[in-house]
């Protein structure tokens, strides 16, 4: 009688190539989930949204009331799914909360695929003993959050009465160079890092205001970046040993 809706096609570049598939999965698919939820009278639904809806924001830390500027079909379809969820909550009195996630990392993160997230790409290179390939100058920042903190946020949101849209992040920004240095330190490997060509339109900065979620649900991130990287690296090291 309660639903977590995380199913979606992910990644930015493939969504540009396959917009129809992304729309059918992320928008039509969400519509189907909402209709089943309405028909069966679920008591609570958590929709997992994406930070990509903000595009490149004007202010930092970025709050939920920032302008919505999806730049790719993936970002747009995830936001449309969120709008469907909020409309069904309003029109049909469905108890739905939407959580916007930011740069989740941890054990079982995807380490394959051409367009994977930077954490997974670094981890795959590290485990293979390859040079860490940093896009651009590496001074662009991101707000990384451990999957353990995300899991806790999901559980809290499922058992709470609050509805609406909330950011889930740490409120701390770290550069890609610092992430690479921390991963190398955690692994103990003597591998170099090099810098490649910057991506056109790459976001230079990302740091998020999660005060609304903290005040509404009492949630606070607990896993430090170094602690989370130790957990993730140990997990993947055990998988390959």
Protein backbone atom coordinates (compact mmCIF):
# COMPACT_ATOMS: atom_id res chain seq x y z
CA UNK A 1 0.00 0.00 0.00
CA UNK A 2 3.03 2.29 -0.19
CA UNK A 3 5.13 3.05 -3.26
CA UNK A 4 8.67 4.16 -4.03
CA UNK A 5 8.82 5.28 -7.66
CA UNK A 6 12.46 5.30 -8.77
CA UNK A 7 11.99 3.58 -12.16
CA UNK A 8 13.28 5.73 -15.02
CA UNK A 9 15.67 5.96 -17.92
CA UNK A 10 18.71 7.89 -16.76
CA UNK A 11 21.70 9.75 -18.28
CA UNK A 12 21.81 12.95 -20.26
CA UNK A 13 23.43 12.16 -23.63
CA UNK A 14 21.36 9.04 -24.45
CA UNK A 15 18.21 11.07 -23.80
CA UNK A 16 19.19 13.44 -26.60
CA UNK A 17 19.53 10.47 -28.95
CA UNK A 18 16.39 8.65 -27.76
CA UNK A 19 13.87 11.28 -26.55
CA UNK A 20 10.83 9.12 -27.32
CA UNK A 21 12.08 6.24 -25.16
CA UNK A 22 12.80 8.65 -22.31
CA UNK A 23 9.36 10.24 -22.56
CA UNK A 24 7.61 6.87 -22.63
CA UNK A 25 9.52 5.62 -19.60
CA UNK A 26 9.77 8.73 -17.44
CA UNK A 27 6.48 10.46 -18.26
CA UNK A 28 4.07 7.79 -19.53
CA UNK A 29 5.54 5.33 -17.05
CA UNK A 30 4.96 7.72 -14.16
CA UNK A 31 1.38 8.31 -15.36
CA UNK A 32 0.79 4.53 -15.23
CA UNK A 33 2.19 4.28 -11.70
CA UNK A 34 0.04 7.17 -10.52
CA UNK A 35 -3.12 5.66 -12.00
CA UNK A 36 -2.46 2.31 -10.33
CA UNK A 37 -1.77 4.15 -7.07
CA UNK A 38 -5.07 5.99 -7.42
CA UNK A 39 -7.05 2.87 -8.33
CA UNK A 40 -5.66 0.86 -5.42
CA UNK A 41 -5.78 3.67 -2.85
CA UNK A 42 -2.13 3.65 -1.76
CA UNK A 43 -1.48 5.35 1.56
CA UNK A 44 1.81 7.02 0.56
CA UNK A 45 3.98 7.48 -2.52
CA UNK A 46 7.54 8.78 -2.82
CA UNK A 47 8.47 10.02 -6.30
CA UNK A 48 12.19 10.29 -6.97
CA UNK A 49 12.89 13.43 -8.98
CA UNK A 50 16.16 14.83 -10.30
CA UNK A 51 18.34 17.83 -9.54
CA UNK A 52 18.82 18.21 -13.30
CA UNK A 53 15.54 20.15 -13.43
CA UNK A 54 17.39 23.29 -12.23
CA UNK A 55 19.79 23.34 -15.17
CA UNK A 56 22.41 25.97 -14.33
CA UNK A 57 20.83 27.99 -11.49
CA UNK A 58 21.35 31.65 -10.70
CA UNK A 59 21.97 31.26 -6.97
CA UNK A 60 23.72 28.91 -4.55
CA UNK A 61 22.94 27.04 -2.39
CA UNK A 62 20.03 26.24 -4.73
CA UNK A 63 16.58 26.06 -3.18
CA UNK A 64 13.37 24.38 -4.32
CA UNK A 65 11.92 27.70 -5.51
CA UNK A 66 14.74 28.27 -8.00
CA UNK A 67 13.80 28.58 -11.67
CA UNK A 68 13.26 25.28 -13.48
CA UNK A 69 15.49 25.09 -16.58
CA UNK A 70 15.79 21.52 -17.88
CA UNK A 71 18.44 21.45 -20.61
CA UNK A 72 18.08 17.89 -21.85
CA UNK A 73 15.22 15.43 -22.51
CA UNK A 74 16.23 13.43 -19.42
CA UNK A 75 15.90 16.48 -17.17
CA UNK A 76 12.64 17.52 -18.81
CA UNK A 77 11.02 14.09 -18.59
CA UNK A 78 11.94 13.65 -14.93
CA UNK A 79 10.48 17.08 -14.18
CA UNK A 80 7.30 16.30 -16.13
CA UNK A 81 6.98 13.11 -14.09
CA UNK A 82 7.28 15.19 -10.93
CA UNK A 83 4.62 17.60 -12.18
CA UNK A 84 2.29 14.68 -12.87
CA UNK A 85 2.87 13.35 -9.35
CA UNK A 86 2.16 16.73 -7.75
CA UNK A 87 -0.95 17.23 -9.88
CA UNK A 88 -2.32 13.79 -8.97
CA UNK A 89 -1.61 14.62 -5.32
CA UNK A 90 -3.63 17.82 -5.63
CA UNK A 91 -6.47 16.56 -7.82
CA UNK A 92 -6.98 13.10 -6.38
CA UNK A 93 -5.81 13.73 -2.82
CA UNK A 94 -2.98 11.23 -3.15
CA UNK A 95 -0.36 11.54 -0.37
CA UNK A 96 2.74 12.06 -2.53
CA UNK A 97 6.14 13.56 -1.77
CA UNK A 98 8.79 14.27 -4.42
CA UNK A 99 12.49 14.11 -3.54
CA UNK A 100 15.08 15.72 -5.80
CA UNK A 101 18.35 13.80 -5.52
CA UNK A 102 21.83 15.18 -6.15
CA UNK A 103 24.92 13.19 -7.19
CA UNK A 104 24.29 9.97 -5.28
CA UNK A 105 27.29 7.65 -4.83
CA UNK A 106 28.13 4.51 -2.89
CA UNK A 107 28.28 0.69 -3.05
CA UNK A 108 26.63 -0.77 -6.17
CA UNK A 109 26.98 2.50 -8.09
CA UNK A 110 27.19 1.90 -11.83
CA UNK A 111 30.80 1.79 -13.02
CA UNK A 112 30.10 0.92 -16.66
CA UNK A 113 28.70 2.84 -19.60
CA UNK A 114 30.06 5.71 -21.65
CA UNK A 115 28.10 8.42 -19.88
CA UNK A 116 28.18 7.30 -16.26
CA UNK A 117 28.40 9.68 -13.33
CA UNK A 118 31.86 10.93 -12.42
CA UNK A 119 32.06 8.81 -9.24
CA UNK A 120 31.43 5.58 -11.14
CA UNK A 121 33.85 6.55 -13.90
CA UNK A 122 36.62 7.32 -11.39
CA UNK A 123 35.97 4.11 -9.47
CA UNK A 124 36.14 1.96 -12.61
CA UNK A 125 39.43 3.62 -13.62
CA UNK A 126 40.81 3.21 -10.12
CA UNK A 127 39.95 -0.49 -9.91
CA UNK A 128 41.51 -1.05 -13.34
CA UNK A 129 44.68 0.78 -12.31
CA UNK A 130 44.12 3.43 -14.97
CA UNK A 131 44.77 7.16 -14.84
CA UNK A 132 41.81 9.13 -13.50
CA UNK A 133 40.45 11.20 -16.36
CA UNK A 134 39.18 14.59 -15.15
CA UNK A 135 37.01 16.54 -17.56
CA UNK A 136 38.15 20.16 -17.87
CA UNK A 137 40.16 21.82 -15.11
CA UNK A 138 38.47 19.80 -12.34
CA UNK A 139 37.53 22.88 -10.35
CA UNK A 140 33.83 22.42 -11.09
CA UNK A 141 32.02 21.44 -7.89
CA UNK A 142 29.26 18.99 -7.02
CA UNK A 143 27.17 18.18 -3.95
CA UNK A 144 27.81 14.44 -3.43
CA UNK A 145 25.56 12.41 -1.13
CA UNK A 146 25.95 8.84 0.13
CA UNK A 147 23.37 6.26 -0.90
CA UNK A 148 23.00 5.40 2.80
CA UNK A 149 21.81 8.93 3.54
CA UNK A 150 19.50 8.71 0.52
CA UNK A 151 18.03 5.42 1.72
CA UNK A 152 17.35 6.94 5.14
CA UNK A 153 15.70 9.96 3.52
CA UNK A 154 13.43 7.65 1.52
CA UNK A 155 12.33 5.74 4.61
CA UNK A 156 11.67 8.91 6.58
CA UNK A 157 9.67 10.39 3.69
CA UNK A 158 7.59 7.22 3.39
CA UNK A 159 6.47 7.34 7.02
CA UNK A 160 5.81 11.09 7.26
CA UNK A 161 2.75 13.24 6.61
CA UNK A 162 4.47 16.07 4.67
CA UNK A 163 3.82 16.43 0.94
CA UNK A 164 5.41 18.58 -1.74
CA UNK A 165 8.83 18.81 -3.37
CA UNK A 166 12.12 18.67 -1.46
CA UNK A 167 15.86 18.76 -2.19
CA UNK A 168 17.89 15.93 -0.66
CA UNK A 169 21.60 16.77 -0.53
CA UNK A 170 24.44 17.57 1.90
CA UNK A 171 24.71 21.32 1.35
CA UNK A 172 28.46 20.88 0.81
CA UNK A 173 30.30 21.31 -2.47
CA UNK A 174 33.53 19.58 -3.43
CA UNK A 175 35.58 19.99 -6.57
CA UNK A 176 36.12 17.09 -8.97
CA UNK A 177 39.86 17.45 -8.31
CA UNK A 178 39.23 17.00 -4.57
CA UNK A 179 37.02 13.97 -5.24
CA UNK A 180 39.82 12.38 -7.26
CA UNK A 181 42.37 13.13 -4.53
CA UNK A 182 40.10 11.67 -1.86
CA UNK A 183 39.51 8.48 -3.85
CA UNK A 184 43.24 8.05 -4.42
CA UNK A 185 43.89 8.58 -0.71
CA UNK A 186 41.20 6.06 0.27
CA UNK A 187 42.49 3.43 -2.16
CA UNK A 188 46.14 3.94 -1.33
CA UNK A 189 46.97 3.60 -5.02
CA UNK A 190 49.71 5.67 -6.65
CA UNK A 191 47.81 6.57 -9.78
CA UNK A 192 47.99 9.91 -11.54
CA UNK A 193 45.09 12.04 -12.73
CA UNK A 194 45.01 13.96 -15.97
CA UNK A 195 42.73 16.63 -17.37
CA UNK A 196 40.79 16.31 -20.60
CA UNK A 197 38.79 18.74 -22.69
CA UNK A 198 36.00 20.55 -20.88
CA UNK A 199 32.43 19.74 -21.93
CA UNK A 200 30.54 22.61 -23.51
CA UNK A 201 27.88 23.91 -21.12
CA UNK A 202 29.21 21.89 -18.18
CA UNK A 203 27.87 23.18 -14.87
CA UNK A 204 30.66 24.88 -12.93
CA UNK A 205 29.07 24.75 -9.52
CA UNK A 206 26.50 22.74 -7.59
CA UNK A 207 25.62 23.11 -3.93
CA UNK A 208 22.13 22.60 -2.59
CA UNK A 209 19.94 24.01 0.17
CA UNK A 210 18.15 21.09 1.86
CA UNK A 211 16.77 23.16 4.77
CA UNK A 212 13.16 22.58 3.70
CA UNK A 213 13.53 18.80 3.91
CA UNK A 214 15.39 19.04 7.21
CA UNK A 215 12.70 21.22 8.77
CA UNK A 216 9.82 19.15 7.39
CA UNK A 217 11.17 15.67 8.12
CA UNK A 218 13.97 16.10 10.66
CA UNK A 219 16.47 14.50 8.27
CA UNK A 220 20.16 15.30 8.32
CA UNK A 221 22.97 13.76 6.20
CA UNK A 222 25.34 11.76 8.38
CA UNK A 223 27.90 10.09 6.10
CA UNK A 224 31.01 12.16 5.41
CA UNK A 225 32.47 12.00 1.91
CA UNK A 226 35.60 10.18 3.05
CA UNK A 227 33.57 7.66 5.04
CA UNK A 228 31.27 7.08 2.07
CA UNK A 229 34.18 6.64 -0.33
CA UNK A 230 35.82 4.10 2.01
CA UNK A 231 32.57 2.09 2.08
CA UNK A 232 32.15 2.22 -1.69
CA UNK A 233 35.77 1.40 -2.52
CA UNK A 234 35.82 -1.50 -0.06
CA UNK A 235 32.62 -2.91 -1.56
CA UNK A 236 33.92 -2.85 -5.13
CA UNK A 237 37.36 -4.09 -4.11
CA UNK A 238 35.73 -7.14 -2.47
CA UNK A 239 33.63 -7.73 -5.60
CA UNK A 240 36.71 -7.89 -7.80
CA UNK A 241 38.98 -9.86 -5.45
